[in-house]
Amino acid sequence: MFFRKDYAAPGPGISPDEPEKTGVARFAEILSLECATLVKLNLLFLLSCIPIVTIPVAVFAMNHVVWMMILDQPVTLLYHYRTAFRKYWKRAYAAFFATALPLVLSLCGVWFYLGHAAEQWVMFLPFMLCSTVFLLTLLASTYFYGLLTMERSVRECLRPALVLGAAKPLRAALAALAVYGTLLFAVLELPISGIYLLLIGFSVPCLLGGFFVRTVLKQV
């Protein structure tokens, strides 16, 4: 079936004696093994977002499945996506608003105070504060969803995500560029990027973003 993967069927795989690949080789390996699943996941995610109000849960469910791939766990797409969608919807909404609200409010603050900073230099102070909040939230969000896959509550994940966002900014910046940067570029390039967004525009950047921060989260 379209959303099922038969792990009993013979085919190419990874030998248990083969040393674990790292870096680009490991990412390419995940893509080669899960390419069809990633396309299906992208379509399933878009379908789940159609009611609009389900977007936070769809984002969480997609991250849940992607992190299973990153951690080399077998994925039965429809089952695991639906399970995350139904079981963790409260956590999904809490996680979404814990990141979306600070990002939106701080970005509005940056826009507002920057526009008045040329007239009153004192406006640079709240501008810097809003900029710091925006950047820290952006960086922390890349660790946040990975931490949530460890069966921790949203509250338990907030503090380490913020600490990691500040202490390990390089990997977080690469992850943010992979997720938010590619999405922004694709939106700006519509309708040319329509096929890309439909097939892999959400699932593959999500995988790449998680891949950048995976080694940090393995040490948490």
N, C-alpha and C. Protein backbone atom coordinates (compact mmCIF):
# COMPACT_ATOMS: atom_id res chain seq x y z
N MET A 1 0.83 -1.19 0.00
CA MET A 1 0.00 0.00 0.00
C MET A 1 0.87 1.25 0.00
N PHE A 2 0.26 2.38 -0.35
CA PHE A 2 1.03 3.61 -0.56
C PHE A 2 1.79 4.06 0.69
N PHE A 3 1.15 3.99 1.88
CA PHE A 3 1.77 4.50 3.09
C PHE A 3 2.37 3.40 3.96
N ARG A 4 2.54 2.22 3.43
CA ARG A 4 3.11 1.13 4.21
C ARG A 4 4.46 0.72 3.63
N LYS A 5 5.34 0.35 4.51
CA LYS A 5 6.65 -0.13 4.08
C LYS A 5 6.82 -1.56 4.58
N ASP A 6 7.19 -2.47 3.68
CA ASP A 6 7.33 -3.87 4.03
C ASP A 6 8.78 -4.15 4.41
N TYR A 7 9.04 -4.23 5.70
CA TYR A 7 10.41 -4.46 6.15
C TYR A 7 10.82 -5.94 6.03
N ALA A 8 9.85 -6.81 5.75
CA ALA A 8 10.15 -8.23 5.59
C ALA A 8 10.60 -8.55 4.17
N ALA A 9 10.32 -7.65 3.24
CA ALA A 9 10.66 -7.89 1.84
C ALA A 9 12.16 -7.76 1.64
N PRO A 10 12.75 -8.64 0.80
CA PRO A 10 14.18 -8.53 0.53
C PRO A 10 14.49 -7.27 -0.26
N GLY A 11 15.65 -6.75 -0.07
CA GLY A 11 16.04 -5.55 -0.80
C GLY A 11 17.30 -4.96 -0.21
N PRO A 12 17.77 -3.84 -0.72
CA PRO A 12 18.99 -3.23 -0.22
C PRO A 12 18.82 -2.74 1.20
N GLY A 13 19.82 -2.87 1.99
CA GLY A 13 19.76 -2.42 3.38
C GLY A 13 21.15 -2.16 3.90
N ILE A 14 21.29 -2.07 5.21
CA ILE A 14 22.57 -1.80 5.85
C ILE A 14 23.02 -3.04 6.58
N SER A 15 24.20 -3.51 6.29
CA SER A 15 24.75 -4.67 6.96
C SER A 15 25.01 -4.34 8.42
N PRO A 16 24.68 -5.26 9.35
CA PRO A 16 24.94 -4.99 10.76
C PRO A 16 26.41 -4.84 11.09
N ASP A 17 27.29 -5.41 10.23
CA ASP A 17 28.73 -5.32 10.46
C ASP A 17 29.35 -4.07 9.85
N GLU A 18 28.56 -3.35 9.07
CA GLU A 18 29.08 -2.16 8.40
C GLU A 18 29.19 -1.01 9.39
N PRO A 19 30.34 -0.31 9.45
CA PRO A 19 30.47 0.82 10.37
C PRO A 19 29.49 1.94 10.04
N GLU A 20 29.03 2.61 11.08
CA GLU A 20 28.04 3.68 10.87
C GLU A 20 28.65 4.84 10.12
N LYS A 21 27.96 5.28 9.10
CA LYS A 21 28.43 6.42 8.33
C LYS A 21 28.10 7.72 9.06
N THR A 22 28.84 8.75 8.74
CA THR A 22 28.63 10.05 9.38
C THR A 22 28.61 11.13 8.30
N GLY A 23 28.20 12.33 8.72
CA GLY A 23 28.26 13.47 7.82
C GLY A 23 27.40 13.32 6.59
N VAL A 24 27.93 13.82 5.48
CA VAL A 24 27.19 13.82 4.22
C VAL A 24 26.84 12.40 3.79
N ALA A 25 27.75 11.45 4.04
CA ALA A 25 27.50 10.06 3.64
C ALA A 25 26.29 9.49 4.37
N ARG A 26 26.16 9.80 5.65
CA ARG A 26 25.02 9.30 6.42
C ARG A 26 23.72 9.95 5.96
N PHE A 27 23.76 11.24 5.68
CA PHE A 27 22.56 11.92 5.20
C PHE A 27 22.12 11.37 3.85
N ALA A 28 23.09 11.14 2.96
CA ALA A 28 22.78 10.57 1.65
C ALA A 28 22.21 9.16 1.81
N GLU A 29 22.71 8.43 2.78
CA GLU A 29 22.21 7.08 3.03
C GLU A 29 20.75 7.10 3.47
N ILE A 30 20.41 8.02 4.38
CA ILE A 30 19.03 8.16 4.83
C ILE A 30 18.13 8.54 3.66
N LEU A 31 18.59 9.49 2.83
CA LEU A 31 17.80 9.91 1.68
C LEU A 31 17.55 8.74 0.72
N SER A 32 18.58 7.95 0.48
CA SER A 32 18.43 6.83 -0.46
C SER A 32 17.47 5.78 0.07
N LEU A 33 17.51 5.54 1.38
CA LEU A 33 16.65 4.51 1.97
C LEU A 33 15.22 5.01 2.18
N GLU A 34 15.07 6.30 2.44
CA GLU A 34 13.75 6.83 2.82
C GLU A 34 13.18 7.81 1.81
N CYS A 35 13.73 7.86 0.59
CA CYS A 35 13.29 8.87 -0.37
C CYS A 35 11.79 8.76 -0.66
N ALA A 36 11.30 7.55 -0.89
CA ALA A 36 9.88 7.38 -1.18
C ALA A 36 9.03 7.76 0.04
N THR A 37 9.49 7.38 1.21
CA THR A 37 8.75 7.70 2.44
C THR A 37 8.71 9.20 2.67
N LEU A 38 9.78 9.90 2.33
CA LEU A 38 9.83 11.35 2.51
C LEU A 38 8.84 12.06 1.59
N VAL A 39 8.70 11.56 0.37
CA VAL A 39 7.70 12.14 -0.54
C VAL A 39 6.29 11.91 0.00
N LYS A 40 6.02 10.69 0.46
CA LYS A 40 4.71 10.38 1.02
C LYS A 40 4.45 11.21 2.28
N LEU A 41 5.50 11.36 3.10
CA LEU A 41 5.37 12.15 4.32
C LEU A 41 5.03 13.60 3.99
N ASN A 42 5.67 14.15 2.97
CA ASN A 42 5.40 15.53 2.56
C ASN A 42 3.94 15.69 2.13
N LEU A 43 3.45 14.74 1.34
CA LEU A 43 2.05 14.79 0.90
C LEU A 43 1.10 14.63 2.08
N LEU A 44 1.42 13.73 2.99
CA LEU A 44 0.58 13.51 4.16
C LEU A 44 0.55 14.76 5.05
N PHE A 45 1.69 15.41 5.18
CA PHE A 45 1.78 16.64 5.96
C PHE A 45 0.90 17.73 5.36
N LEU A 46 0.98 17.90 4.05
CA LEU A 46 0.17 18.94 3.39
C LEU A 46 -1.32 18.64 3.52
N LEU A 47 -1.70 17.39 3.38
CA LEU A 47 -3.10 17.02 3.57
C LEU A 47 -3.56 17.30 4.99
N SER A 48 -2.69 17.05 5.95
CA SER A 48 -3.03 17.28 7.36
C SER A 48 -3.17 18.76 7.69
N CYS A 49 -2.54 19.61 6.88
CA CYS A 49 -2.57 21.06 7.14
C CYS A 49 -3.79 21.75 6.53
N ILE A 50 -4.56 21.03 5.72
CA ILE A 50 -5.68 21.65 5.01
C ILE A 50 -6.69 22.31 5.96
N PRO A 51 -7.04 21.68 7.11
CA PRO A 51 -7.98 22.37 8.01
C PRO A 51 -7.40 23.61 8.71
N ILE A 52 -6.13 23.94 8.46
CA ILE A 52 -5.43 25.10 9.02
C ILE A 52 -5.16 24.93 10.52
N VAL A 53 -6.21 24.67 11.30
CA VAL A 53 -6.05 24.55 12.76
C VAL A 53 -5.22 23.33 13.13
N THR A 54 -5.03 22.40 12.21
CA THR A 54 -4.25 21.20 12.49
C THR A 54 -2.77 21.36 12.14
N ILE A 55 -2.37 22.54 11.69
CA ILE A 55 -0.97 22.75 11.30
C ILE A 55 0.01 22.44 12.44
N PRO A 56 -0.23 22.90 13.68
CA PRO A 56 0.70 22.57 14.76
C PRO A 56 0.87 21.07 14.97
N VAL A 57 -0.22 20.32 14.87
CA VAL A 57 -0.15 18.87 15.07
C VAL A 57 0.56 18.21 13.89
N ALA A 58 0.31 18.72 12.68
CA ALA A 58 0.98 18.17 11.50
C ALA A 58 2.48 18.40 11.56
N VAL A 59 2.90 19.57 12.03
CA VAL A 59 4.33 19.87 12.19
C VAL A 59 4.96 18.91 13.17
N PHE A 60 4.28 18.67 14.29
CA PHE A 60 4.82 17.77 15.31
C PHE A 60 4.91 16.35 14.77
N ALA A 61 3.85 15.88 14.10
CA ALA A 61 3.83 14.51 13.58
C ALA A 61 4.93 14.31 12.53
N MET A 62 5.15 15.31 11.68
CA MET A 62 6.22 15.20 10.68
C MET A 62 7.58 15.12 11.35
N ASN A 63 7.81 15.96 12.35
CA ASN A 63 9.08 15.91 13.08
C ASN A 63 9.26 14.57 13.79
N HIS A 64 8.17 14.03 14.32
CA HIS A 64 8.22 12.75 15.01
C HIS A 64 8.71 11.65 14.06
N VAL A 65 8.16 11.59 12.86
CA VAL A 65 8.54 10.58 11.89
C VAL A 65 9.97 10.81 11.40
N VAL A 66 10.32 12.06 11.15
CA VAL A 66 11.66 12.38 10.65
C VAL A 66 12.73 11.99 11.67
N TRP A 67 12.45 12.22 12.95
CA TRP A 67 13.44 11.87 13.96
C TRP A 67 13.59 10.37 14.12
N MET A 68 12.54 9.62 13.82
CA MET A 68 12.67 8.16 13.79
C MET A 68 13.64 7.74 12.69
N MET A 69 13.59 8.43 11.55
CA MET A 69 14.53 8.15 10.46
C MET A 69 15.95 8.49 10.88
N ILE A 70 16.12 9.65 11.51
CA ILE A 70 17.45 10.09 11.93
C ILE A 70 18.05 9.12 12.94
N LEU A 71 17.21 8.59 13.83
CA LEU A 71 17.67 7.66 14.86
C LEU A 71 17.71 6.22 14.36
N ASP A 72 17.50 6.04 13.04
CA ASP A 72 17.60 4.73 12.40
C ASP A 72 16.58 3.74 12.95
N GLN A 73 15.37 4.23 13.21
CA GLN A 73 14.29 3.37 13.67
C GLN A 73 13.37 3.07 12.49
N PRO A 74 12.84 1.84 12.39
CA PRO A 74 11.96 1.50 11.28
C PRO A 74 10.68 2.34 11.32
N VAL A 75 10.27 2.82 10.16
CA VAL A 75 9.11 3.71 10.07
C VAL A 75 8.01 3.06 9.25
N THR A 76 6.84 2.92 9.85
CA THR A 76 5.63 2.60 9.11
C THR A 76 4.85 3.91 9.05
N LEU A 77 4.93 4.57 7.93
CA LEU A 77 4.57 5.98 7.85
C LEU A 77 3.18 6.30 8.38
N LEU A 78 2.16 5.69 7.82
CA LEU A 78 0.80 6.04 8.20
C LEU A 78 0.55 5.76 9.68
N TYR A 79 1.06 4.63 10.16
CA TYR A 79 0.85 4.26 11.57
C TYR A 79 1.53 5.25 12.50
N HIS A 80 2.81 5.53 12.29
CA HIS A 80 3.55 6.41 13.20
C HIS A 80 3.09 7.86 13.10
N TYR A 81 2.77 8.29 11.89
CA TYR A 81 2.28 9.66 11.72
C TYR A 81 0.93 9.83 12.42
N ARG A 82 0.03 8.89 12.19
CA ARG A 82 -1.30 8.97 12.79
C ARG A 82 -1.23 8.85 14.31
N THR A 83 -0.33 7.98 14.81
CA THR A 83 -0.17 7.83 16.25
C THR A 83 0.29 9.13 16.89
N ALA A 84 1.31 9.77 16.30
CA ALA A 84 1.80 11.05 16.81
C ALA A 84 0.73 12.12 16.72
N PHE A 85 -0.03 12.08 15.63
CA PHE A 85 -1.09 13.08 15.41
C PHE A 85 -2.17 12.97 16.48
N ARG A 86 -2.56 11.75 16.81
CA ARG A 86 -3.65 11.55 17.77
C ARG A 86 -3.20 11.59 19.22
N LYS A 87 -2.04 11.02 19.49
CA LYS A 87 -1.59 10.86 20.87
C LYS A 87 -0.99 12.13 21.45
N TYR A 88 -0.29 12.89 20.61
CA TYR A 88 0.48 14.02 21.14
C TYR A 88 -0.06 15.38 20.69
N TRP A 89 -1.34 15.48 20.38
CA TRP A 89 -1.86 16.74 19.85
C TRP A 89 -1.76 17.88 20.85
N LYS A 90 -1.95 17.59 22.15
CA LYS A 90 -1.82 18.64 23.16
C LYS A 90 -0.38 19.15 23.21
N ARG A 91 0.57 18.23 23.20
CA ARG A 91 1.98 18.62 23.21
C ARG A 91 2.32 19.39 21.94
N ALA A 92 1.73 19.01 20.83
CA ALA A 92 2.00 19.66 19.56
C ALA A 92 1.58 21.12 19.58
N TYR A 93 0.38 21.39 20.09
CA TYR A 93 -0.09 22.78 20.16
C TYR A 93 0.77 23.59 21.12
N ALA A 94 1.11 23.00 22.27
CA ALA A 94 1.94 23.71 23.24
C ALA A 94 3.31 24.03 22.65
N ALA A 95 3.90 23.07 21.95
CA ALA A 95 5.22 23.28 21.35
C ALA A 95 5.17 24.32 20.25
N PHE A 96 4.12 24.29 19.44
CA PHE A 96 3.99 25.23 18.33
C PHE A 96 3.89 26.67 18.84
N PHE A 97 3.02 26.88 19.82
CA PHE A 97 2.83 28.25 20.31
C PHE A 97 3.99 28.71 21.18
N ALA A 98 4.71 27.77 21.78
CA ALA A 98 5.89 28.14 22.57
C ALA A 98 6.99 28.68 21.68
N THR A 99 6.98 28.32 20.41
CA THR A 99 7.97 28.84 19.46
C THR A 99 7.40 29.93 18.57
N ALA A 100 6.16 29.74 18.09
CA ALA A 100 5.58 30.69 17.13
C ALA A 100 5.31 32.05 17.76
N LEU A 101 4.75 32.08 18.96
CA LEU A 101 4.40 33.36 19.58
C LEU A 101 5.64 34.23 19.83
N PRO A 102 6.70 33.72 20.47
CA PRO A 102 7.90 34.57 20.64
C PRO A 102 8.50 35.02 19.32
N LEU A 103 8.48 34.13 18.31
CA LEU A 103 9.05 34.51 17.01
C LEU A 103 8.26 35.65 16.37
N VAL A 104 6.94 35.53 16.36
CA VAL A 104 6.10 36.54 15.72
C VAL A 104 6.16 37.86 16.48
N LEU A 105 6.01 37.80 17.81
CA LEU A 105 6.00 39.03 18.62
C LEU A 105 7.34 39.74 18.57
N SER A 106 8.42 38.98 18.68
CA SER A 106 9.75 39.62 18.65
C SER A 106 10.05 40.19 17.27
N LEU A 107 9.61 39.50 16.21
CA LEU A 107 9.82 40.02 14.86
C LEU A 107 9.04 41.31 14.64
N CYS A 108 7.83 41.37 15.16
CA CYS A 108 7.05 42.62 15.09
C CYS A 108 7.76 43.73 15.86
N GLY A 109 8.33 43.37 17.01
CA GLY A 109 9.08 44.35 17.80
C GLY A 109 10.30 44.85 17.06
N VAL A 110 11.02 43.96 16.39
CA VAL A 110 12.19 44.35 15.59
C VAL A 110 11.78 45.34 14.51
N TRP A 111 10.70 45.03 13.81
CA TRP A 111 10.23 45.89 12.73
C TRP A 111 9.82 47.27 13.26
N PHE A 112 9.09 47.26 14.38
CA PHE A 112 8.57 48.52 14.93
C PHE A 112 9.69 49.41 15.46
N TYR A 113 10.56 48.84 16.31
CA TYR A 113 11.59 49.65 16.95
C TYR A 113 12.69 50.07 15.98
N LEU A 114 12.95 49.25 14.97
CA LEU A 114 13.95 49.64 13.98
C LEU A 114 13.47 50.84 13.17
N GLY A 115 12.17 50.89 12.93
CA GLY A 115 11.62 52.01 12.19
C GLY A 115 11.69 53.33 12.94
N HIS A 116 11.74 53.26 14.28
CA HIS A 116 11.81 54.48 15.09
C HIS A 116 13.21 54.76 15.62
N ALA A 117 14.15 53.84 15.41
CA ALA A 117 15.49 54.00 15.95
C ALA A 117 16.23 55.17 15.32
N ALA A 118 15.93 55.47 14.04
CA ALA A 118 16.61 56.58 13.38
C ALA A 118 16.22 57.92 13.99
N GLU A 119 15.02 58.00 14.57
CA GLU A 119 14.55 59.24 15.16
C GLU A 119 14.96 59.35 16.63
N GLN A 120 14.92 58.22 17.34
CA GLN A 120 15.27 58.21 18.75
C GLN A 120 16.22 57.05 19.02
N TRP A 121 17.46 57.37 19.37
CA TRP A 121 18.47 56.32 19.55
C TRP A 121 18.10 55.35 20.66
N VAL A 122 17.30 55.81 21.63
CA VAL A 122 16.93 54.95 22.75
C VAL A 122 16.13 53.74 22.27
N MET A 123 15.53 53.85 21.10
CA MET A 123 14.75 52.74 20.55
C MET A 123 15.63 51.56 20.15
N PHE A 124 16.95 51.80 20.07
CA PHE A 124 17.85 50.69 19.77
C PHE A 124 17.86 49.65 20.90
N LEU A 125 17.56 50.08 22.12
CA LEU A 125 17.58 49.15 23.26
C LEU A 125 16.48 48.09 23.14
N PRO A 126 15.21 48.49 22.98
CA PRO A 126 14.19 47.45 22.77
C PRO A 126 14.38 46.70 21.44
N PHE A 127 14.98 47.38 20.45
CA PHE A 127 15.26 46.69 19.19
C PHE A 127 16.25 45.55 19.41
N MET A 128 17.29 45.81 20.18
CA MET A 128 18.28 44.78 20.47
C MET A 128 17.66 43.65 21.30
N LEU A 129 16.78 44.01 22.22
CA LEU A 129 16.11 42.99 23.03
C LEU A 129 15.25 42.09 22.16
N CYS A 130 14.46 42.69 21.30
CA CYS A 130 13.59 41.90 20.41
C CYS A 130 14.42 41.05 19.44
N SER A 131 15.52 41.60 18.98
CA SER A 131 16.39 40.85 18.07
C SER A 131 16.98 39.63 18.77
N THR A 132 17.39 39.82 20.03
CA THR A 132 17.96 38.71 20.80
C THR A 132 16.93 37.62 21.04
N VAL A 133 15.72 38.04 21.40
CA VAL A 133 14.64 37.07 21.64
C VAL A 133 14.33 36.30 20.35
N PHE A 134 14.27 37.01 19.24
CA PHE A 134 13.96 36.37 17.96
C PHE A 134 15.04 35.34 17.59
N LEU A 135 16.31 35.74 17.65
CA LEU A 135 17.40 34.85 17.26
C LEU A 135 17.50 33.65 18.19
N LEU A 136 17.37 33.88 19.49
CA LEU A 136 17.47 32.79 20.45
C LEU A 136 16.33 31.80 20.27
N THR A 137 15.12 32.30 20.06
CA THR A 137 13.97 31.42 19.83
C THR A 137 14.14 30.63 18.54
N LEU A 138 14.64 31.29 17.51
CA LEU A 138 14.86 30.64 16.22
C LEU A 138 15.86 29.49 16.37
N LEU A 139 16.97 29.75 17.07
CA LEU A 139 17.99 28.73 17.25
C LEU A 139 17.50 27.61 18.16
N ALA A 140 16.82 27.98 19.24
CA ALA A 140 16.33 26.98 20.20
C ALA A 140 15.29 26.08 19.58
N SER A 141 14.49 26.61 18.66
CA SER A 141 13.42 25.80 18.05
C SER A 141 13.97 24.62 17.28
N THR A 142 15.20 24.73 16.77
CA THR A 142 15.78 23.62 16.01
C THR A 142 16.12 22.44 16.91
N TYR A 143 16.39 22.70 18.18
CA TYR A 143 16.63 21.64 19.15
C TYR A 143 15.35 21.17 19.82
N PHE A 144 14.37 22.04 19.87
CA PHE A 144 13.16 21.82 20.66
C PHE A 144 12.39 20.57 20.24
N TYR A 145 12.12 20.45 18.94
CA TYR A 145 11.32 19.32 18.47
C TYR A 145 12.09 18.00 18.59
N GLY A 146 13.39 18.04 18.45
CA GLY A 146 14.18 16.83 18.67
C GLY A 146 14.12 16.37 20.11
N LEU A 147 14.16 17.32 21.05
CA LEU A 147 14.05 16.98 22.47
C LEU A 147 12.68 16.41 22.80
N LEU A 148 11.65 16.88 22.12
CA LEU A 148 10.30 16.39 22.40
C LEU A 148 10.12 14.94 22.00
N THR A 149 10.94 14.43 21.10
CA THR A 149 10.85 13.02 20.72
C THR A 149 11.40 12.10 21.80
N MET A 150 12.04 12.65 22.83
CA MET A 150 12.61 11.86 23.91
C MET A 150 11.62 11.62 25.04
N GLU A 151 10.34 11.76 24.73
CA GLU A 151 9.26 11.52 25.70
C GLU A 151 9.34 12.45 26.92
N ARG A 152 9.84 13.65 26.70
CA ARG A 152 9.85 14.66 27.76
C ARG A 152 8.68 15.60 27.56
N SER A 153 8.26 16.25 28.64
CA SER A 153 7.18 17.23 28.52
C SER A 153 7.71 18.49 27.85
N VAL A 154 6.78 19.32 27.40
CA VAL A 154 7.16 20.58 26.76
C VAL A 154 7.97 21.44 27.72
N ARG A 155 7.55 21.50 28.96
CA ARG A 155 8.25 22.32 29.95
C ARG A 155 9.66 21.81 30.18
N GLU A 156 9.85 20.49 30.20
CA GLU A 156 11.17 19.92 30.42
C GLU A 156 12.10 20.16 29.23
N CYS A 157 11.52 20.38 28.07
CA CYS A 157 12.34 20.58 26.86
C CYS A 157 12.70 22.04 26.62
N LEU A 158 11.93 22.96 27.19
CA LEU A 158 12.15 24.38 26.91
C LEU A 158 13.52 24.87 27.37
N ARG A 159 13.86 24.57 28.62
CA ARG A 159 15.12 25.08 29.15
C ARG A 159 16.35 24.52 28.42
N PRO A 160 16.48 23.19 28.24
CA PRO A 160 17.64 22.70 27.49
C PRO A 160 17.68 23.20 26.05
N ALA A 161 16.52 23.40 25.43
CA ALA A 161 16.50 23.92 24.06
C ALA A 161 17.08 25.33 24.02
N LEU A 162 16.69 26.17 24.97
CA LEU A 162 17.22 27.53 25.03
C LEU A 162 18.72 27.53 25.33
N VAL A 163 19.14 26.65 26.25
CA VAL A 163 20.57 26.57 26.58
C VAL A 163 21.38 26.13 25.37
N LEU A 164 20.88 25.11 24.67
CA LEU A 164 21.59 24.62 23.48
C LEU A 164 21.59 25.65 22.36
N GLY A 165 20.48 26.39 22.23
CA GLY A 165 20.41 27.43 21.21
C GLY A 165 21.47 28.49 21.42
N ALA A 166 21.75 28.80 22.70
CA ALA A 166 22.76 29.81 23.03
C ALA A 166 24.17 29.24 23.03
N ALA A 167 24.32 27.98 23.48
CA ALA A 167 25.64 27.38 23.63
C ALA A 167 26.14 26.73 22.35
N LYS A 168 25.23 26.23 21.51
CA LYS A 168 25.61 25.56 20.26
C LYS A 168 24.91 26.25 19.08
N PRO A 169 25.24 27.52 18.84
CA PRO A 169 24.50 28.28 17.83
C PRO A 169 24.82 27.90 16.38
N LEU A 170 26.02 27.36 16.11
CA LEU A 170 26.40 27.10 14.72
C LEU A 170 25.52 26.02 14.11
N ARG A 171 25.40 24.88 14.79
CA ARG A 171 24.56 23.80 14.25
C ARG A 171 23.10 24.23 14.19
N ALA A 172 22.68 24.99 15.20
CA ALA A 172 21.30 25.48 15.21
C ALA A 172 21.06 26.43 14.04
N ALA A 173 22.05 27.27 13.73
CA ALA A 173 21.92 28.20 12.61
C ALA A 173 21.83 27.45 11.28
N LEU A 174 22.62 26.40 11.13
CA LEU A 174 22.56 25.58 9.92
C LEU A 174 21.20 24.90 9.80
N ALA A 175 20.69 24.40 10.93
CA ALA A 175 19.38 23.76 10.93
C ALA A 175 18.28 24.76 10.60
N ALA A 176 18.36 25.96 11.19
CA ALA A 176 17.36 27.00 10.92
C ALA A 176 17.39 27.41 9.46
N LEU A 177 18.59 27.50 8.89
CA LEU A 177 18.72 27.86 7.47
C LEU A 177 18.11 26.77 6.59
N ALA A 178 18.33 25.51 7.00
CA ALA A 178 17.80 24.38 6.23
C ALA A 178 16.27 24.36 6.24
N VAL A 179 15.69 24.66 7.39
CA VAL A 179 14.23 24.57 7.54
C VAL A 179 13.55 25.87 7.12
N TYR A 180 13.87 26.95 7.83
CA TYR A 180 13.18 28.22 7.58
C TYR A 180 13.69 28.91 6.32
N GLY A 181 15.00 28.82 6.08
CA GLY A 181 15.57 29.48 4.91
C GLY A 181 15.05 28.91 3.60
N THR A 182 15.05 27.58 3.49
CA THR A 182 14.57 26.96 2.25
C THR A 182 13.08 27.20 2.04
N LEU A 183 12.33 27.20 3.15
CA LEU A 183 10.89 27.44 3.04
C LEU A 183 10.61 28.86 2.56
N LEU A 184 11.32 29.84 3.13
CA LEU A 184 11.15 31.23 2.72
C LEU A 184 11.51 31.41 1.25
N PHE A 185 12.63 30.81 0.84
CA PHE A 185 13.05 30.91 -0.56
C PHE A 185 12.02 30.29 -1.50
N ALA A 186 11.49 29.13 -1.11
CA ALA A 186 10.50 28.45 -1.95
C ALA A 186 9.21 29.27 -2.07
N VAL A 187 8.79 29.88 -0.97
CA VAL A 187 7.58 30.70 -1.00
C VAL A 187 7.78 31.91 -1.90
N LEU A 188 8.96 32.52 -1.83
CA LEU A 188 9.25 33.68 -2.66
C LEU A 188 9.33 33.32 -4.14
N GLU A 189 9.65 32.05 -4.43
CA GLU A 189 9.82 31.62 -5.82
C GLU A 189 8.55 30.97 -6.39
N LEU A 190 7.44 31.01 -5.66
CA LEU A 190 6.18 30.49 -6.19
C LEU A 190 5.79 31.27 -7.45
N PRO A 191 5.19 30.66 -8.45
CA PRO A 191 4.75 29.24 -8.53
C PRO A 191 5.81 28.28 -9.05
N ILE A 192 7.03 28.77 -9.33
CA ILE A 192 8.07 27.91 -9.88
C ILE A 192 8.40 26.77 -8.91
N SER A 193 8.38 27.08 -7.62
CA SER A 193 8.75 26.09 -6.61
C SER A 193 7.59 25.22 -6.15
N GLY A 194 6.46 25.29 -6.84
CA GLY A 194 5.26 24.57 -6.42
C GLY A 194 5.46 23.06 -6.34
N ILE A 195 6.09 22.48 -7.34
CA ILE A 195 6.33 21.03 -7.36
C ILE A 195 7.27 20.63 -6.22
N TYR A 196 8.28 21.45 -6.00
CA TYR A 196 9.23 21.19 -4.91
C TYR A 196 8.51 21.17 -3.56
N LEU A 197 7.66 22.17 -3.31
CA LEU A 197 6.92 22.24 -2.05
C LEU A 197 5.95 21.06 -1.92
N LEU A 198 5.37 20.67 -3.01
CA LEU A 198 4.40 19.57 -2.99
C LEU A 198 5.07 18.23 -2.66
N LEU A 199 6.25 17.99 -3.21
CA LEU A 199 6.86 16.67 -3.08
C LEU A 199 7.83 16.54 -1.92
N ILE A 200 8.73 17.50 -1.73
CA ILE A 200 9.76 17.35 -0.68
C ILE A 200 10.04 18.65 0.07
N GLY A 201 9.28 19.69 -0.19
CA GLY A 201 9.61 21.01 0.34
C GLY A 201 9.51 21.16 1.84
N PHE A 202 8.89 20.21 2.51
CA PHE A 202 8.77 20.28 3.97
C PHE A 202 9.49 19.11 4.65
N SER A 203 9.34 17.92 4.12
CA SER A 203 9.92 16.74 4.76
C SER A 203 11.45 16.70 4.69
N VAL A 204 12.02 17.00 3.52
CA VAL A 204 13.48 16.94 3.38
C VAL A 204 14.19 18.06 4.17
N PRO A 205 13.72 19.33 4.12
CA PRO A 205 14.33 20.33 5.00
C PRO A 205 14.21 19.98 6.47
N CYS A 206 13.08 19.37 6.87
CA CYS A 206 12.92 18.94 8.26
C CYS A 206 13.96 17.88 8.61
N LEU A 207 14.19 16.95 7.70
CA LEU A 207 15.21 15.93 7.90
C LEU A 207 16.61 16.54 7.98
N LEU A 208 16.90 17.47 7.08
CA LEU A 208 18.21 18.11 7.07
C LEU A 208 18.44 18.92 8.34
N GLY A 209 17.41 19.65 8.78
CA GLY A 209 17.53 20.42 10.01
C GLY A 209 17.79 19.54 11.21
N GLY A 210 17.06 18.44 11.32
CA GLY A 210 17.29 17.52 12.42
C GLY A 210 18.65 16.86 12.34
N PHE A 211 19.11 16.60 11.12
CA PHE A 211 20.41 15.96 10.93
C PHE A 211 21.54 16.84 11.45
N PHE A 212 21.42 18.15 11.26
CA PHE A 212 22.46 19.07 11.72
C PHE A 212 22.62 19.06 13.25
N VAL A 213 21.52 18.87 13.98
CA VAL A 213 21.58 18.98 15.44
C VAL A 213 21.59 17.62 16.13
N ARG A 214 21.58 16.54 15.38
CA ARG A 214 21.42 15.21 15.97
C ARG A 214 22.56 14.85 16.92
N THR A 215 23.81 15.19 16.55
CA THR A 215 24.94 14.81 17.38
C THR A 215 24.93 15.54 18.72
N VAL A 216 24.43 16.77 18.71
CA VAL A 216 24.31 17.53 19.96
C VAL A 216 23.26 16.91 20.87
N LEU A 217 22.12 16.54 20.30
CA LEU A 217 21.03 15.99 21.10
C LEU A 217 21.34 14.60 21.61
N LYS A 218 22.22 13.86 20.94
CA LYS A 218 22.60 12.54 21.42
C LYS A 218 23.39 12.63 22.73
N GLN A 219 23.96 13.80 23.01
CA GLN A 219 24.74 13.98 24.22
C GLN A 219 23.91 14.53 25.38
N VAL A 220 22.65 14.88 25.11
CA VAL A 220 21.79 15.46 26.15
C VAL A 220 21.22 14.37 27.03
